[in-house]
């Protein structure tokens, strides 16, 4: 029996001195955990950096969008037209559209030309609006198409600049 107890003490699994085996395990496990955590951190950060670089290559403007822009860069000067009230192109002719259109200019100097050409602008927009049906205008796609048509027809008239966006600030079909 004494030999067995002596043998257990030598192997590190015995009564009072049993901590020797645990210490050996901890000495092996802790460095392995630290190495694993460190490697995982560096691998994760390098993957994140690679993803950011790839995103920047795909969309170079994405980084610029994060930086705040001045108010002048966000929205250009606006030229407001008087509201339009037109009959829509319906068989009975009993449907009306009231629309208020505002034009965003690429340069403030375009204001003078738009003021001089207001009768032409209104005529082009009136012709376009009266050619539309209720079905054309009730769908979201129809409004986008109308906006594109107004933009292209107005820009065809202009000499000293261009309109960058068309806004419908009022759009009522009755």
Foldseek 3Di string as FASTA:
>chain_A
DVVVQVVCVVVLCHDPRVCPVVVVVCVVPVVVVVVVVVVVVVVVVVVVVVVVVVVCVVPVCPVVVPDDDDPCVVFADKDWDDWDWAQAPDPVSPKIKIWTKMFTWPDPVCNVVCVVCVVVLVVQLRVLRNDHDPVLPPDPVSVVVSFVSSQVVVQVPDDPGGTDGMDTPDIDMD
